[in-house]
Amino acid sequence: MRKRYWRLSKRHRLPDMTEYSDVGSAVLRVLQTADPNAKVMAARHAARQWRMGRLSHDFRHSMPDMPARPDRPLLLRPRDMPRRGGGTSVPRRIALIHALAHIEFVAIDLAFDMIGRFGAQFPRQFTDDWMRVGSEEAMHFALLDRRLRAMDCFYGALPAHDGLWDSAKSTAHDASARLAIVPMVLEARGLDVTLQTVERFERQGDNLTAKVLSRIYRDEIHHVSYGTKWFEFVCDKRNQNPHVRWKELVKAHFKGGLKPPFNDSARQAAGLTREYYSAIE
């Protein structure tokens, strides 16, 4: 299955793709690519080049404050987003898939910004892990966009949430803060809610979307585990208690607090034990 999903179509080629020799340049290309299809291909290309040993562990570029964005979708603040509501109508299912596709689209940039902004502070294995995350986020977006097109829609047809990059901006100064918030809060929240969303699509007879979301759920466990692993790596170097430090960072950088229910078993599998989040609910 993975080989089929990852094979690039012969109809698509990376526009003006320069072969870089260092990982920082390849990451910057991903962040500076606005077109969704081109960003997916740039992300896969960077991950493949790194995996094949063609990129040096060199970070010579500063990362942009904001990655490039396409003209569509129209980005709205959370209070201005139209309500999707419940129900089983096709338009509501499309709206939900579109919202999930936007999350995955932004997640591509979050993964590559993690590499480009903080990779020089870590061993090569850090880049190994987040290259895998970035390429998987690209695959997730491509699969969800494919589902939208099968339903006579496409990514960009509906407005989307403009606040998803806020956590990146507020944690751009500190690797431990970024790790604490993006994988260990935002992606961990995906572990809490995705299985219920899978069941919702199954009840509506949309088994193809349910299968895509099940794949995303399994990958997210690995993504959260990478966040936890490298967060604890930083805490160990700084002689900090990771559970105490994580709570401090969440209070400082995450608005709204953590809300149950929590998928304790999936979080445990990712190393995010209840010692982290039980007292901060």
C-alpha atoms as a PDB file:
ATOM      1  CA  MET A   1       0.000   0.000   0.000  1.00  0.00           C
ATOM      2  CA  ARG A   2       2.718   2.492   0.946  1.00  0.00           C
ATOM      3  CA  LYS A   3       4.538   2.054  -2.370  1.00  0.00           C
ATOM      4  CA  ARG A   4       1.359   2.784  -4.292  1.00  0.00           C
ATOM      5  CA  TYR A   5       0.640   5.922  -2.295  1.00  0.00           C
ATOM      6  CA  TRP A   6       4.191   7.219  -2.541  1.00  0.00           C
ATOM      7  CA  ARG A   7       4.750   6.748  -6.295  1.00  0.00           C
ATOM      8  CA  LEU A   8       4.762  10.148  -7.988  1.00  0.00           C
ATOM      9  CA  SER A   9       2.496  10.515 -10.983  1.00  0.00           C
ATOM     10  CA  LYS A  10       4.275  10.849 -14.319  1.00  0.00           C
ATOM     11  CA  ARG A  11       2.027  13.833 -15.001  1.00  0.00           C
ATOM     12  CA  HIS A  12       3.637  15.815 -12.156  1.00  0.00           C
ATOM     13  CA  ARG A  13       7.178  17.095 -11.921  1.00  0.00           C
ATOM     14  CA  LEU A  14       8.715  19.349  -9.324  1.00  0.00           C
ATOM     15  CA  PRO A  15       8.822  22.863 -10.789  1.00  0.00           C
ATOM     16  CA  ASP A  16      12.349  24.301 -11.052  1.00  0.00           C
ATOM     17  CA  MET A  17      13.739  21.727  -8.617  1.00  0.00           C
ATOM     18  CA  THR A  18      17.362  22.482  -7.878  1.00  0.00           C
ATOM     19  CA  GLU A  19      19.347  19.598  -6.440  1.00  0.00           C
ATOM     20  CA  TYR A  20      20.707  20.913  -3.150  1.00  0.00           C
ATOM     21  CA  SER A  21      23.558  19.320  -1.282  1.00  0.00           C
ATOM     22  CA  ASP A  22      22.515  20.342   2.250  1.00  0.00           C
ATOM     23  CA  VAL A  23      19.399  19.609   4.261  1.00  0.00           C
ATOM     24  CA  GLY A  24      18.763  23.237   5.191  1.00  0.00           C
ATOM     25  CA  SER A  25      18.375  24.256   1.544  1.00  0.00           C
ATOM     26  CA  ALA A  26      16.039  21.340   0.803  1.00  0.00           C
ATOM     27  CA  VAL A  27      13.891  22.197   3.828  1.00  0.00           C
ATOM     28  CA  LEU A  28      13.731  25.848   2.805  1.00  0.00           C
ATOM     29  CA  ARG A  29      12.488  24.817  -0.643  1.00  0.00           C
ATOM     30  CA  VAL A  30       9.551  22.996   0.975  1.00  0.00           C
ATOM     31  CA  LEU A  31       8.661  25.990   3.133  1.00  0.00           C
ATOM     32  CA  GLN A  32       8.899  28.405   0.200  1.00  0.00           C
ATOM     33  CA  THR A  33       6.629  26.305  -2.024  1.00  0.00           C
ATOM     34  CA  ALA A  34       3.028  27.514  -1.961  1.00  0.00           C
ATOM     35  CA  ASP A  35       1.230  25.270  -4.449  1.00  0.00           C
ATOM     36  CA  PRO A  36      -0.178  22.249  -2.565  1.00  0.00           C
ATOM     37  CA  ASN A  37       0.775  19.623  -5.147  1.00  0.00           C
ATOM     38  CA  ALA A  38       4.251  21.099  -5.560  1.00  0.00           C
ATOM     39  CA  LYS A  39       4.712  21.243  -1.766  1.00  0.00           C
ATOM     40  CA  VAL A  40       3.810  17.561  -1.476  1.00  0.00           C
ATOM     41  CA  MET A  41       6.344  16.667  -4.156  1.00  0.00           C
ATOM     42  CA  ALA A  42       9.017  18.935  -2.654  1.00  0.00           C
ATOM     43  CA  ALA A  43       8.500  17.290   0.751  1.00  0.00           C
ATOM     44  CA  ARG A  44       8.763  13.786  -0.670  1.00  0.00           C
ATOM     45  CA  HIS A  45      11.785  14.777  -2.727  1.00  0.00           C
ATOM     46  CA  ALA A  46      13.610  16.241   0.282  1.00  0.00           C
ATOM     47  CA  ALA A  47      12.876  13.170   2.385  1.00  0.00           C
ATOM     48  CA  ARG A  48      14.063  10.863  -0.386  1.00  0.00           C
ATOM     49  CA  GLN A  49      17.287  12.828  -0.908  1.00  0.00           C
ATOM     50  CA  TRP A  50      18.009  12.723   2.827  1.00  0.00           C
ATOM     51  CA  ARG A  51      17.206   9.027   3.057  1.00  0.00           C
ATOM     52  CA  MET A  52      19.604   8.296   0.179  1.00  0.00           C
ATOM     53  CA  GLY A  53      22.433  10.219   1.852  1.00  0.00           C
ATOM     54  CA  ARG A  54      22.524  13.017  -0.729  1.00  0.00           C
ATOM     55  CA  LEU A  55      22.078  15.901   1.748  1.00  0.00           C
ATOM     56  CA  SER A  56      24.698  17.000   4.230  1.00  0.00           C
ATOM     57  CA  HIS A  57      23.715  17.714   7.827  1.00  0.00           C
ATOM     58  CA  ASP A  58      24.207  21.433   7.239  1.00  0.00           C
ATOM     59  CA  PHE A  59      21.828  24.251   8.231  1.00  0.00           C
ATOM     60  CA  ARG A  60      23.047  27.410   6.564  1.00  0.00           C
ATOM     61  CA  HIS A  61      19.682  29.129   6.039  1.00  0.00           C
ATOM     62  CA  SER A  62      17.359  30.956   8.411  1.00  0.00           C
ATOM     63  CA  MET A  63      13.795  29.724   8.308  1.00  0.00           C
ATOM     64  CA  PRO A  64      10.975  32.093   7.283  1.00  0.00           C
ATOM     65  CA  ASP A  65       8.553  33.374   9.915  1.00  0.00           C
ATOM     66  CA  MET A  66       5.711  32.112   7.711  1.00  0.00           C
ATOM     67  CA  PRO A  67       5.812  29.458   5.005  1.00  0.00           C
ATOM     68  CA  ALA A  68       4.440  30.244   1.571  1.00  0.00           C
ATOM     69  CA  ARG A  69       0.698  29.785   1.221  1.00  0.00           C
ATOM     70  CA  PRO A  70      -1.499  29.295  -1.861  1.00  0.00           C
ATOM     71  CA  ASP A  71      -4.150  31.850  -2.809  1.00  0.00           C
ATOM     72  CA  ARG A  72      -6.794  29.354  -1.751  1.00  0.00           C
ATOM     73  CA  PRO A  73      -8.170  28.350   0.693  1.00  0.00           C
ATOM     74  CA  LEU A  74      -9.343  31.614   2.198  1.00  0.00           C
ATOM     75  CA  LEU A  75      -7.873  31.652   5.718  1.00  0.00           C
ATOM     76  CA  LEU A  76     -10.167  32.805   8.530  1.00  0.00           C
ATOM     77  CA  ARG A  77      -9.688  33.282  12.243  1.00  0.00           C
ATOM     78  CA  PRO A  78     -11.388  30.602  14.358  1.00  0.00           C
ATOM     79  CA  ARG A  79     -14.315  32.822  15.363  1.00  0.00           C
ATOM     80  CA  ASP A  80     -15.086  33.506  11.695  1.00  0.00           C
ATOM     81  CA  MET A  81     -15.068  29.893  10.531  1.00  0.00           C
ATOM     82  CA  PRO A  82     -18.479  28.571   9.415  1.00  0.00           C
ATOM     83  CA  ARG A  83     -19.905  25.902  11.673  1.00  0.00           C
ATOM     84  CA  ARG A  84     -19.828  22.396  10.202  1.00  0.00           C
ATOM     85  CA  GLY A  85     -22.388  20.922  12.547  1.00  0.00           C
ATOM     86  CA  GLY A  86     -23.172  17.240  12.823  1.00  0.00           C
ATOM     87  CA  GLY A  87     -25.269  15.096  10.565  1.00  0.00           C
ATOM     88  CA  THR A  88     -24.431  12.803   7.706  1.00  0.00           C
ATOM     89  CA  SER A  89     -24.926  14.972   4.614  1.00  0.00           C
ATOM     90  CA  VAL A  90     -22.295  14.918   1.900  1.00  0.00           C
ATOM     91  CA  PRO A  91     -21.555  18.669   2.242  1.00  0.00           C
ATOM     92  CA  ARG A  92     -20.804  18.207   5.946  1.00  0.00           C
ATOM     93  CA  ARG A  93     -18.545  15.257   5.260  1.00  0.00           C
ATOM     94  CA  ILE A  94     -16.728  17.271   2.601  1.00  0.00           C
ATOM     95  CA  ALA A  95     -16.308  20.168   5.039  1.00  0.00           C
ATOM     96  CA  LEU A  96     -14.780  17.841   7.628  1.00  0.00           C
ATOM     97  CA  ILE A  97     -12.410  16.213   5.126  1.00  0.00           C
ATOM     98  CA  HIS A  98     -11.378  19.677   3.903  1.00  0.00           C
ATOM     99  CA  ALA A  99     -10.633  20.778   7.472  1.00  0.00           C
ATOM    100  CA  LEU A 100      -8.542  17.657   8.047  1.00  0.00           C
ATOM    101  CA  ALA A 101      -6.701  18.193   4.752  1.00  0.00           C
ATOM    102  CA  HIS A 102      -5.806  21.717   5.849  1.00  0.00           C
ATOM    103  CA  ILE A 103      -4.414  20.404   9.135  1.00  0.00           C
ATOM    104  CA  GLU A 104      -2.219  17.959   7.228  1.00  0.00           C
ATOM    105  CA  PHE A 105      -1.124  20.659   4.772  1.00  0.00           C
ATOM    106  CA  VAL A 106       0.075  22.899   7.607  1.00  0.00           C
ATOM    107  CA  ALA A 107       1.642  19.852   9.297  1.00  0.00           C
ATOM    108  CA  ILE A 108       3.993  19.445   6.310  1.00  0.00           C
ATOM    109  CA  ASP A 109       5.478  22.851   7.052  1.00  0.00           C
ATOM    110  CA  LEU A 110       5.530  22.244  10.803  1.00  0.00           C
ATOM    111  CA  ALA A 111       7.661  19.132  10.300  1.00  0.00           C
ATOM    112  CA  PHE A 112      10.109  20.750   7.900  1.00  0.00           C
ATOM    113  CA  ASP A 113      10.347  23.926   9.975  1.00  0.00           C
ATOM    114  CA  MET A 114      11.216  21.679  12.922  1.00  0.00           C
ATOM    115  CA  ILE A 115      14.166  20.352  10.923  1.00  0.00           C
ATOM    116  CA  GLY A 116      15.366  23.635   9.495  1.00  0.00           C
ATOM    117  CA  ARG A 117      14.965  25.698  12.661  1.00  0.00           C
ATOM    118  CA  PHE A 118      16.256  23.240  15.258  1.00  0.00           C
ATOM    119  CA  GLY A 119      18.055  20.418  13.448  1.00  0.00           C
ATOM    120  CA  ALA A 120      21.531  21.828  14.038  1.00  0.00           C
ATOM    121  CA  GLN A 121      20.975  21.463  17.798  1.00  0.00           C
ATOM    122  CA  PHE A 122      20.417  17.708  17.586  1.00  0.00           C
ATOM    123  CA  PRO A 123      22.058  14.513  16.312  1.00  0.00           C
ATOM    124  CA  ARG A 124      21.319  13.372  12.752  1.00  0.00           C
ATOM    125  CA  GLN A 125      18.612  11.039  14.064  1.00  0.00           C
ATOM    126  CA  PHE A 126      16.469  14.089  14.805  1.00  0.00           C
ATOM    127  CA  THR A 127      16.419  14.932  11.103  1.00  0.00           C
ATOM    128  CA  ASP A 128      15.778  11.263  10.292  1.00  0.00           C
ATOM    129  CA  ASP A 129      12.639  11.319  12.423  1.00  0.00           C
ATOM    130  CA  TRP A 130      11.207  14.637  11.243  1.00  0.00           C
ATOM    131  CA  MET A 131      11.926  13.889   7.587  1.00  0.00           C
ATOM    132  CA  ARG A 132       9.777  10.815   8.034  1.00  0.00           C
ATOM    133  CA  VAL A 133       7.107  12.923   9.708  1.00  0.00           C
ATOM    134  CA  GLY A 134       7.194  15.518   6.927  1.00  0.00           C
ATOM    135  CA  SER A 135       6.916  12.948   4.152  1.00  0.00           C
ATOM    136  CA  GLU A 136       4.060  11.184   5.935  1.00  0.00           C
ATOM    137  CA  GLU A 137       2.194  14.460   6.461  1.00  0.00           C
ATOM    138  CA  ALA A 138       2.563  15.077   2.725  1.00  0.00           C
ATOM    139  CA  MET A 139       1.135  11.644   2.024  1.00  0.00           C
ATOM    140  CA  HIS A 140      -1.768  12.281   4.422  1.00  0.00           C
ATOM    141  CA  PHE A 141      -2.615  15.539   2.685  1.00  0.00           C
ATOM    142  CA  ALA A 142      -2.447  13.908  -0.747  1.00  0.00           C
ATOM    143  CA  LEU A 143      -4.784  11.105   0.334  1.00  0.00           C
ATOM    144  CA  LEU A 144      -7.342  13.522   1.811  1.00  0.00           C
ATOM    145  CA  ASP A 145      -7.174  15.770  -1.249  1.00  0.00           C
ATOM    146  CA  ARG A 146      -7.782  12.677  -3.375  1.00  0.00           C
ATOM    147  CA  ARG A 147     -10.904  11.946  -1.320  1.00  0.00           C
ATOM    148  CA  LEU A 148     -12.113  15.525  -1.837  1.00  0.00           C
ATOM    149  CA  ARG A 149     -11.657  15.232  -5.586  1.00  0.00           C
ATOM    150  CA  ALA A 150     -13.535  11.950  -5.610  1.00  0.00           C
ATOM    151  CA  MET A 151     -16.413  13.907  -4.023  1.00  0.00           C
ATOM    152  CA  ASP A 152     -16.240  16.665  -6.690  1.00  0.00           C
ATOM    153  CA  CYS A 153     -14.369  19.044  -4.408  1.00  0.00           C
ATOM    154  CA  PHE A 154     -10.727  20.025  -3.883  1.00  0.00           C
ATOM    155  CA  TYR A 155      -8.452  21.549  -1.287  1.00  0.00           C
ATOM    156  CA  GLY A 156      -8.985  25.300  -1.351  1.00  0.00           C
ATOM    157  CA  ALA A 157     -12.672  25.165  -2.243  1.00  0.00           C
ATOM    158  CA  LEU A 158     -13.696  26.019   1.346  1.00  0.00           C
ATOM    159  CA  PRO A 159     -12.301  28.464   3.921  1.00  0.00           C
ATOM    160  CA  ALA A 160      -9.790  27.133   6.437  1.00  0.00           C
ATOM    161  CA  HIS A 161      -8.455  27.841   9.908  1.00  0.00           C
ATOM    162  CA  ASP A 162      -5.829  30.621   9.977  1.00  0.00           C
ATOM    163  CA  GLY A 163      -4.547  29.883  13.484  1.00  0.00           C
ATOM    164  CA  LEU A 164      -2.719  26.603  12.926  1.00  0.00           C
ATOM    165  CA  TRP A 165       0.663  28.285  12.520  1.00  0.00           C
ATOM    166  CA  ASP A 166       0.272  30.289  15.752  1.00  0.00           C
ATOM    167  CA  SER A 167       1.907  27.555  17.835  1.00  0.00           C
ATOM    168  CA  ALA A 168       4.913  27.563  15.503  1.00  0.00           C
ATOM    169  CA  LYS A 169       5.321  31.327  15.862  1.00  0.00           C
ATOM    170  CA  SER A 170       5.070  31.266  19.649  1.00  0.00           C
ATOM    171  CA  THR A 171       7.660  28.473  19.975  1.00  0.00           C
ATOM    172  CA  ALA A 172      10.130  29.538  17.270  1.00  0.00           C
ATOM    173  CA  HIS A 173      12.694  30.507  19.912  1.00  0.00           C
ATOM    174  CA  ASP A 174      13.026  27.163  21.698  1.00  0.00           C
ATOM    175  CA  ALA A 175      13.173  23.560  20.493  1.00  0.00           C
ATOM    176  CA  SER A 176      11.757  22.195  23.743  1.00  0.00           C
ATOM    177  CA  ALA A 177       8.748  24.527  23.519  1.00  0.00           C
ATOM    178  CA  ARG A 178       8.093  23.510  19.902  1.00  0.00           C
ATOM    179  CA  LEU A 179       8.340  19.819  20.769  1.00  0.00           C
ATOM    180  CA  ALA A 180       6.105  20.250  23.811  1.00  0.00           C
ATOM    181  CA  ILE A 181       3.327  21.991  21.886  1.00  0.00           C
ATOM    182  CA  VAL A 182       3.242  20.695  18.313  1.00  0.00           C
ATOM    183  CA  PRO A 183       3.696  16.924  18.583  1.00  0.00           C
ATOM    184  CA  MET A 184       2.953  16.494  22.310  1.00  0.00           C
ATOM    185  CA  VAL A 185      -0.223  18.633  22.411  1.00  0.00           C
ATOM    186  CA  LEU A 186      -1.570  19.213  18.903  1.00  0.00           C
ATOM    187  CA  GLU A 187      -0.768  15.825  17.370  1.00  0.00           C
ATOM    188  CA  ALA A 188      -1.586  14.067  20.620  1.00  0.00           C
ATOM    189  CA  ARG A 189      -5.043  15.610  20.391  1.00  0.00           C
ATOM    190  CA  GLY A 190      -5.386  13.839  17.056  1.00  0.00           C
ATOM    191  CA  LEU A 191      -4.867  10.551  18.876  1.00  0.00           C
ATOM    192  CA  ASP A 192      -7.766  11.460  21.168  1.00  0.00           C
ATOM    193  CA  VAL A 193     -10.324  12.240  18.455  1.00  0.00           C
ATOM    194  CA  THR A 194      -9.383  10.383  15.266  1.00  0.00           C
ATOM    195  CA  LEU A 195     -10.858   6.991  16.133  1.00  0.00           C
ATOM    196  CA  GLN A 196     -14.263   8.576  16.803  1.00  0.00           C
ATOM    197  CA  THR A 197     -14.007  10.332  13.438  1.00  0.00           C
ATOM    198  CA  VAL A 198     -13.172   7.020  11.777  1.00  0.00           C
ATOM    199  CA  GLU A 199     -16.302   5.485  13.301  1.00  0.00           C
ATOM    200  CA  ARG A 200     -18.363   8.456  12.134  1.00  0.00           C
ATOM    201  CA  PHE A 201     -17.297   7.940   8.510  1.00  0.00           C
ATOM    202  CA  GLU A 202     -17.872   4.191   8.775  1.00  0.00           C
ATOM    203  CA  ARG A 203     -21.424   4.805   9.995  1.00  0.00           C
ATOM    204  CA  GLN A 204     -21.966   7.043   6.986  1.00  0.00           C
ATOM    205  CA  GLY A 205     -20.721   4.324   4.636  1.00  0.00           C
ATOM    206  CA  ASP A 206     -17.566   6.221   3.667  1.00  0.00           C
ATOM    207  CA  ASN A 207     -15.131   3.401   4.277  1.00  0.00           C
ATOM    208  CA  LEU A 208     -12.440   4.865   2.014  1.00  0.00           C
ATOM    209  CA  THR A 209     -12.124   8.010   4.116  1.00  0.00           C
ATOM    210  CA  ALA A 210     -12.250   5.894   7.263  1.00  0.00           C
ATOM    211  CA  LYS A 211      -9.320   3.839   5.936  1.00  0.00           C
ATOM    212  CA  VAL A 212      -7.305   6.992   5.226  1.00  0.00           C
ATOM    213  CA  LEU A 213      -7.956   8.327   8.729  1.00  0.00           C
ATOM    214  CA  SER A 214      -6.988   4.979  10.261  1.00  0.00           C
ATOM    215  CA  ARG A 215      -3.646   5.201   8.453  1.00  0.00           C
ATOM    216  CA  ILE A 216      -3.176   8.772   9.705  1.00  0.00           C
ATOM    217  CA  TYR A 217      -3.962   7.636  13.253  1.00  0.00           C
ATOM    218  CA  ARG A 218      -1.271   4.942  13.177  1.00  0.00           C
ATOM    219  CA  ASP A 219       1.307   7.362  11.814  1.00  0.00           C
ATOM    220  CA  GLU A 220       0.428   9.993  14.421  1.00  0.00           C
ATOM    221  CA  ILE A 221       1.415   7.619  17.217  1.00  0.00           C
ATOM    222  CA  HIS A 222       4.945   7.622  15.758  1.00  0.00           C
ATOM    223  CA  HIS A 223       4.900  11.409  15.363  1.00  0.00           C
ATOM    224  CA  VAL A 224       3.960  11.949  18.999  1.00  0.00           C
ATOM    225  CA  SER A 225       6.619   9.439  20.043  1.00  0.00           C
ATOM    226  CA  TYR A 226       9.288  11.439  18.193  1.00  0.00           C
ATOM    227  CA  GLY A 227       8.147  14.585  19.968  1.00  0.00           C
ATOM    228  CA  THR A 228       8.315  12.896  23.358  1.00  0.00           C
ATOM    229  CA  LYS A 229      11.698  11.291  22.646  1.00  0.00           C
ATOM    230  CA  TRP A 230      13.391  14.522  21.593  1.00  0.00           C
ATOM    231  CA  PHE A 231      11.679  16.587  24.277  1.00  0.00           C
ATOM    232  CA  GLU A 232      13.115  14.240  26.883  1.00  0.00           C
ATOM    233  CA  PHE A 233      16.482  14.430  25.116  1.00  0.00           C
ATOM    234  CA  VAL A 234      16.501  18.230  25.583  1.00  0.00           C
ATOM    235  CA  CYS A 235      15.357  17.977  29.199  1.00  0.00           C
ATOM    236  CA  ASP A 236      18.097  15.465  29.955  1.00  0.00           C
ATOM    237  CA  LYS A 237      20.741  17.781  28.491  1.00  0.00           C
ATOM    238  CA  ARG A 238      19.388  20.686  30.549  1.00  0.00           C
ATOM    239  CA  ASN A 239      18.966  18.584  33.687  1.00  0.00           C
ATOM    240  CA  GLN A 240      15.219  19.310  33.781  1.00  0.00           C
ATOM    241  CA  ASN A 241      12.349  17.102  34.915  1.00  0.00           C
ATOM    242  CA  PRO A 242      10.468  16.507  31.631  1.00  0.00           C
ATOM    243  CA  HIS A 243       7.020  16.224  33.225  1.00  0.00           C
ATOM    244  CA  VAL A 244       7.412  19.438  35.187  1.00  0.00           C
ATOM    245  CA  ARG A 245       8.973  21.306  32.270  1.00  0.00           C
ATOM    246  CA  TRP A 246       6.290  20.163  29.840  1.00  0.00           C
ATOM    247  CA  LYS A 247       3.531  21.491  32.090  1.00  0.00           C
ATOM    248  CA  GLU A 248       5.337  24.835  32.333  1.00  0.00           C
ATOM    249  CA  LEU A 249       5.641  25.099  28.556  1.00  0.00           C
ATOM    250  CA  VAL A 250       2.035  24.109  27.924  1.00  0.00           C
ATOM    251  CA  LYS A 251       0.810  26.770  30.343  1.00  0.00           C
ATOM    252  CA  ALA A 252       3.044  29.361  28.684  1.00  0.00           C
ATOM    253  CA  HIS A 253       2.361  28.547  25.030  1.00  0.00           C
ATOM    254  CA  PHE A 254      -0.966  26.741  24.689  1.00  0.00           C
ATOM    255  CA  LYS A 255      -4.202  28.638  25.179  1.00  0.00           C
ATOM    256  CA  GLY A 256      -7.363  26.919  26.326  1.00  0.00           C
ATOM    257  CA  GLY A 257      -5.896  24.096  28.357  1.00  0.00           C
ATOM    258  CA  LEU A 258      -6.013  20.363  27.693  1.00  0.00           C
ATOM    259  CA  LYS A 259      -9.467  18.843  27.554  1.00  0.00           C
ATOM    260  CA  PRO A 260     -10.395  15.190  28.091  1.00  0.00           C
ATOM    261  CA  PRO A 261     -11.244  12.583  27.034  1.00  0.00           C
ATOM    262  CA  PHE A 262      -7.738  11.324  26.361  1.00  0.00           C
ATOM    263  CA  ASN A 263      -6.760   8.212  24.432  1.00  0.00           C
ATOM    264  CA  ASP A 264      -4.507   6.930  27.192  1.00  0.00           C
ATOM    265  CA  SER A 265      -3.468   3.752  25.387  1.00  0.00           C
ATOM    266  CA  ALA A 266      -2.335   5.555  22.209  1.00  0.00           C
ATOM    267  CA  ARG A 267      -0.582   8.241  24.236  1.00  0.00           C
ATOM    268  CA  GLN A 268       1.150   5.551  26.293  1.00  0.00           C
ATOM    269  CA  ALA A 269       2.297   3.842  23.087  1.00  0.00           C
ATOM    270  CA  ALA A 270       3.846   7.166  22.059  1.00  0.00           C
ATOM    271  CA  GLY A 271       5.636   7.564  25.396  1.00  0.00           C
ATOM    272  CA  LEU A 272       3.310  10.381  26.444  1.00  0.00           C
ATOM    273  CA  THR A 273       2.394   8.906  29.803  1.00  0.00           C
ATOM    274  CA  ARG A 274      -0.217  10.282  32.176  1.00  0.00           C
ATOM    275  CA  GLU A 275       2.572  11.765  34.287  1.00  0.00           C
ATOM    276  CA  TYR A 276       2.698  14.484  31.648  1.00  0.00           C
ATOM    277  CA  TYR A 277      -0.922  15.503  31.328  1.00  0.00           C
ATOM    278  CA  SER A 278      -3.004  14.137  34.221  1.00  0.00           C
ATOM    279  CA  ALA A 279      -2.507  17.143  36.516  1.00  0.00           C
ATOM    280  CA  ILE A 280      -2.979  19.760  33.794  1.00  0.00           C
ATOM    281  CA  GLU A 281      -6.460  18.773  32.598  1.00  0.00           C
END
